[in-house]
Amino acid sequence: MALPKRKTSKSKSRKRRTHYTVALPGASFCPECNEMKPPHRACPSCGYYKGRNFFRQAPDTEAVAED
């Protein structure tokens, strides 16, 4: 097997790694409440994803007490 003739210097390896960047996660707006949310996830503020509610809201204790 072939071996490198010389040790790769710090500058050479760092120059090569300049293009290894981490992409920032995207963000989108929820169509229901217009809050920022991660893409392909349920909205943390209203719980909707693709027009369906995935978080069950607890019933209001004040509304139940009034009845």
N, C-alpha and C. Protein backbone atom coordinates (compact mmCIF):
# COMPACT_ATOMS: atom_id res chain seq x y z
N MET A 1 0.83 -1.18 0.00
CA MET A 1 0.00 0.00 0.00
C MET A 1 0.88 1.24 0.00
N ALA A 2 0.36 2.26 -0.64
CA ALA A 2 1.11 3.52 -0.71
C ALA A 2 1.02 4.27 0.61
N LEU A 3 2.11 4.93 0.96
CA LEU A 3 2.16 5.73 2.19
C LEU A 3 2.49 7.16 1.82
N PRO A 4 2.04 8.13 2.62
CA PRO A 4 2.41 9.52 2.33
C PRO A 4 3.90 9.74 2.57
N LYS A 5 4.52 10.51 1.68
CA LYS A 5 5.95 10.77 1.83
C LYS A 5 6.24 11.70 3.00
N ARG A 6 5.36 12.66 3.21
CA ARG A 6 5.56 13.64 4.28
C ARG A 6 4.28 13.80 5.09
N LYS A 7 4.48 14.27 6.32
CA LYS A 7 3.34 14.56 7.18
C LYS A 7 2.59 15.76 6.61
N THR A 8 1.28 15.67 6.56
CA THR A 8 0.47 16.80 6.08
C THR A 8 0.51 17.91 7.13
N SER A 9 0.94 19.08 6.71
CA SER A 9 1.09 20.19 7.66
C SER A 9 -0.28 20.68 8.13
N LYS A 10 -0.26 21.44 9.24
CA LYS A 10 -1.51 21.97 9.79
C LYS A 10 -2.19 22.89 8.79
N SER A 11 -1.40 23.73 8.13
CA SER A 11 -2.00 24.68 7.20
C SER A 11 -2.62 23.95 5.99
N LYS A 12 -1.95 22.92 5.52
CA LYS A 12 -2.47 22.18 4.37
C LYS A 12 -3.79 21.49 4.72
N SER A 13 -3.83 20.83 5.88
CA SER A 13 -5.06 20.13 6.26
C SER A 13 -6.16 21.13 6.60
N ARG A 14 -5.82 22.27 7.19
CA ARG A 14 -6.83 23.28 7.51
C ARG A 14 -7.38 23.95 6.25
N LYS A 15 -6.52 24.15 5.26
CA LYS A 15 -6.99 24.70 3.99
C LYS A 15 -7.97 23.74 3.32
N ARG A 16 -7.70 22.47 3.42
CA ARG A 16 -8.58 21.46 2.84
C ARG A 16 -9.93 21.45 3.55
N ARG A 17 -9.91 21.69 4.85
CA ARG A 17 -11.14 21.61 5.65
C ARG A 17 -11.96 22.89 5.65
N THR A 18 -11.55 23.92 4.91
CA THR A 18 -12.30 25.17 4.94
C THR A 18 -13.71 25.01 4.40
N HIS A 19 -13.96 24.03 3.57
CA HIS A 19 -15.28 23.84 2.97
C HIS A 19 -16.16 22.91 3.80
N TYR A 20 -15.67 22.41 4.92
CA TYR A 20 -16.47 21.53 5.77
C TYR A 20 -17.28 22.39 6.73
N THR A 21 -18.34 22.97 6.25
CA THR A 21 -19.15 23.85 7.09
C THR A 21 -20.41 23.12 7.55
N VAL A 22 -20.91 23.55 8.67
CA VAL A 22 -22.15 22.99 9.20
C VAL A 22 -23.29 23.88 8.72
N ALA A 23 -24.28 23.27 8.10
CA ALA A 23 -25.42 24.05 7.61
C ALA A 23 -26.35 24.39 8.76
N LEU A 24 -26.83 25.62 8.77
CA LEU A 24 -27.77 26.03 9.81
C LEU A 24 -29.13 25.38 9.55
N PRO A 25 -29.82 24.98 10.60
CA PRO A 25 -31.14 24.38 10.38
C PRO A 25 -32.12 25.44 9.87
N GLY A 26 -32.96 25.03 8.96
CA GLY A 26 -33.92 25.95 8.38
C GLY A 26 -35.06 26.23 9.34
N ALA A 27 -35.83 27.22 9.02
CA ALA A 27 -37.01 27.55 9.81
C ALA A 27 -38.12 27.95 8.86
N SER A 28 -39.34 27.68 9.25
CA SER A 28 -40.48 28.06 8.44
C SER A 28 -41.55 28.64 9.35
N PHE A 29 -42.58 29.17 8.74
CA PHE A 29 -43.67 29.76 9.50
C PHE A 29 -44.85 28.81 9.53
N CYS A 30 -45.50 28.73 10.66
CA CYS A 30 -46.68 27.90 10.83
C CYS A 30 -47.85 28.60 10.12
N PRO A 31 -48.58 27.90 9.24
CA PRO A 31 -49.70 28.55 8.56
C PRO A 31 -50.89 28.84 9.48
N GLU A 32 -50.96 28.16 10.62
CA GLU A 32 -52.08 28.36 11.54
C GLU A 32 -51.89 29.59 12.42
N CYS A 33 -50.68 29.72 13.03
CA CYS A 33 -50.47 30.81 14.01
C CYS A 33 -49.37 31.78 13.59
N ASN A 34 -48.72 31.54 12.46
CA ASN A 34 -47.65 32.40 11.92
C ASN A 34 -46.45 32.54 12.85
N GLU A 35 -46.18 31.54 13.67
CA GLU A 35 -44.99 31.52 14.52
C GLU A 35 -43.90 30.75 13.79
N MET A 36 -42.64 31.01 14.16
CA MET A 36 -41.52 30.26 13.58
C MET A 36 -41.54 28.84 14.13
N LYS A 37 -41.26 27.86 13.24
CA LYS A 37 -41.22 26.47 13.66
C LYS A 37 -40.17 25.74 12.84
N PRO A 38 -39.64 24.63 13.35
CA PRO A 38 -38.70 23.84 12.55
C PRO A 38 -39.44 23.16 11.39
N PRO A 39 -38.79 23.01 10.25
CA PRO A 39 -39.47 22.36 9.13
C PRO A 39 -39.72 20.89 9.40
N HIS A 40 -40.83 20.38 8.89
CA HIS A 40 -41.24 18.98 9.02
C HIS A 40 -41.47 18.58 10.47
N ARG A 41 -41.88 19.51 11.30
CA ARG A 41 -42.18 19.25 12.71
C ARG A 41 -43.50 19.94 13.05
N ALA A 42 -44.14 19.46 14.10
CA ALA A 42 -45.35 20.12 14.58
C ALA A 42 -44.97 21.46 15.21
N CYS A 43 -45.84 22.42 15.09
CA CYS A 43 -45.58 23.75 15.64
C CYS A 43 -45.58 23.67 17.17
N PRO A 44 -44.53 24.16 17.84
CA PRO A 44 -44.50 24.07 19.30
C PRO A 44 -45.52 24.97 19.98
N SER A 45 -46.00 26.01 19.30
CA SER A 45 -46.93 26.93 19.97
C SER A 45 -48.39 26.50 19.81
N CYS A 46 -48.78 26.01 18.63
CA CYS A 46 -50.19 25.64 18.45
C CYS A 46 -50.39 24.14 18.26
N GLY A 47 -49.34 23.38 17.91
CA GLY A 47 -49.44 21.93 17.79
C GLY A 47 -49.92 21.42 16.45
N TYR A 48 -50.06 22.29 15.46
CA TYR A 48 -50.54 21.85 14.15
C TYR A 48 -49.39 21.41 13.27
N TYR A 49 -49.66 20.39 12.45
CA TYR A 49 -48.72 19.94 11.43
C TYR A 49 -49.53 19.44 10.26
N LYS A 50 -49.32 20.00 9.09
CA LYS A 50 -50.05 19.67 7.87
C LYS A 50 -51.56 19.79 8.06
N GLY A 51 -51.97 20.83 8.77
CA GLY A 51 -53.39 21.10 8.94
C GLY A 51 -54.09 20.28 10.00
N ARG A 52 -53.36 19.44 10.72
CA ARG A 52 -53.96 18.60 11.77
C ARG A 52 -53.34 18.94 13.11
N ASN A 53 -54.14 18.89 14.16
CA ASN A 53 -53.65 19.17 15.51
C ASN A 53 -53.10 17.88 16.10
N PHE A 54 -51.84 17.90 16.53
CA PHE A 54 -51.21 16.71 17.08
C PHE A 54 -51.07 16.77 18.59
N PHE A 55 -51.30 17.92 19.20
CA PHE A 55 -51.23 18.05 20.65
C PHE A 55 -52.64 18.23 21.18
N ARG A 56 -53.01 17.42 22.12
CA ARG A 56 -54.33 17.58 22.72
C ARG A 56 -54.27 18.69 23.74
N GLN A 57 -55.17 19.63 23.61
CA GLN A 57 -55.25 20.74 24.55
C GLN A 57 -56.04 20.28 25.77
N ALA A 58 -55.54 20.60 26.95
CA ALA A 58 -56.27 20.29 28.17
C ALA A 58 -57.50 21.18 28.25
N PRO A 59 -58.64 20.64 28.68
CA PRO A 59 -59.83 21.50 28.77
C PRO A 59 -59.63 22.59 29.82
N ASP A 60 -60.18 23.75 29.55
CA ASP A 60 -60.05 24.87 30.48
C ASP A 60 -60.81 24.56 31.76
N THR A 61 -60.14 24.71 32.89
CA THR A 61 -60.80 24.43 34.17
C THR A 61 -61.84 25.48 34.49
N GLU A 62 -61.65 26.72 34.01
CA GLU A 62 -62.63 27.77 34.25
C GLU A 62 -63.92 27.50 33.48
N ALA A 63 -63.80 27.02 32.24
CA ALA A 63 -64.98 26.74 31.43
C ALA A 63 -65.77 25.57 32.01
N VAL A 64 -65.09 24.58 32.54
CA VAL A 64 -65.76 23.42 33.12
C VAL A 64 -66.45 23.82 34.42
N ALA A 65 -65.82 24.71 35.21
CA ALA A 65 -66.39 25.14 36.48
C ALA A 65 -67.64 25.98 36.28
N GLU A 66 -67.72 26.72 35.16
CA GLU A 66 -68.88 27.57 34.91
C GLU A 66 -70.11 26.75 34.56
N ASP A 67 -69.95 25.60 33.95
CA ASP A 67 -71.10 24.79 33.52
C ASP A 67 -71.83 24.17 34.64
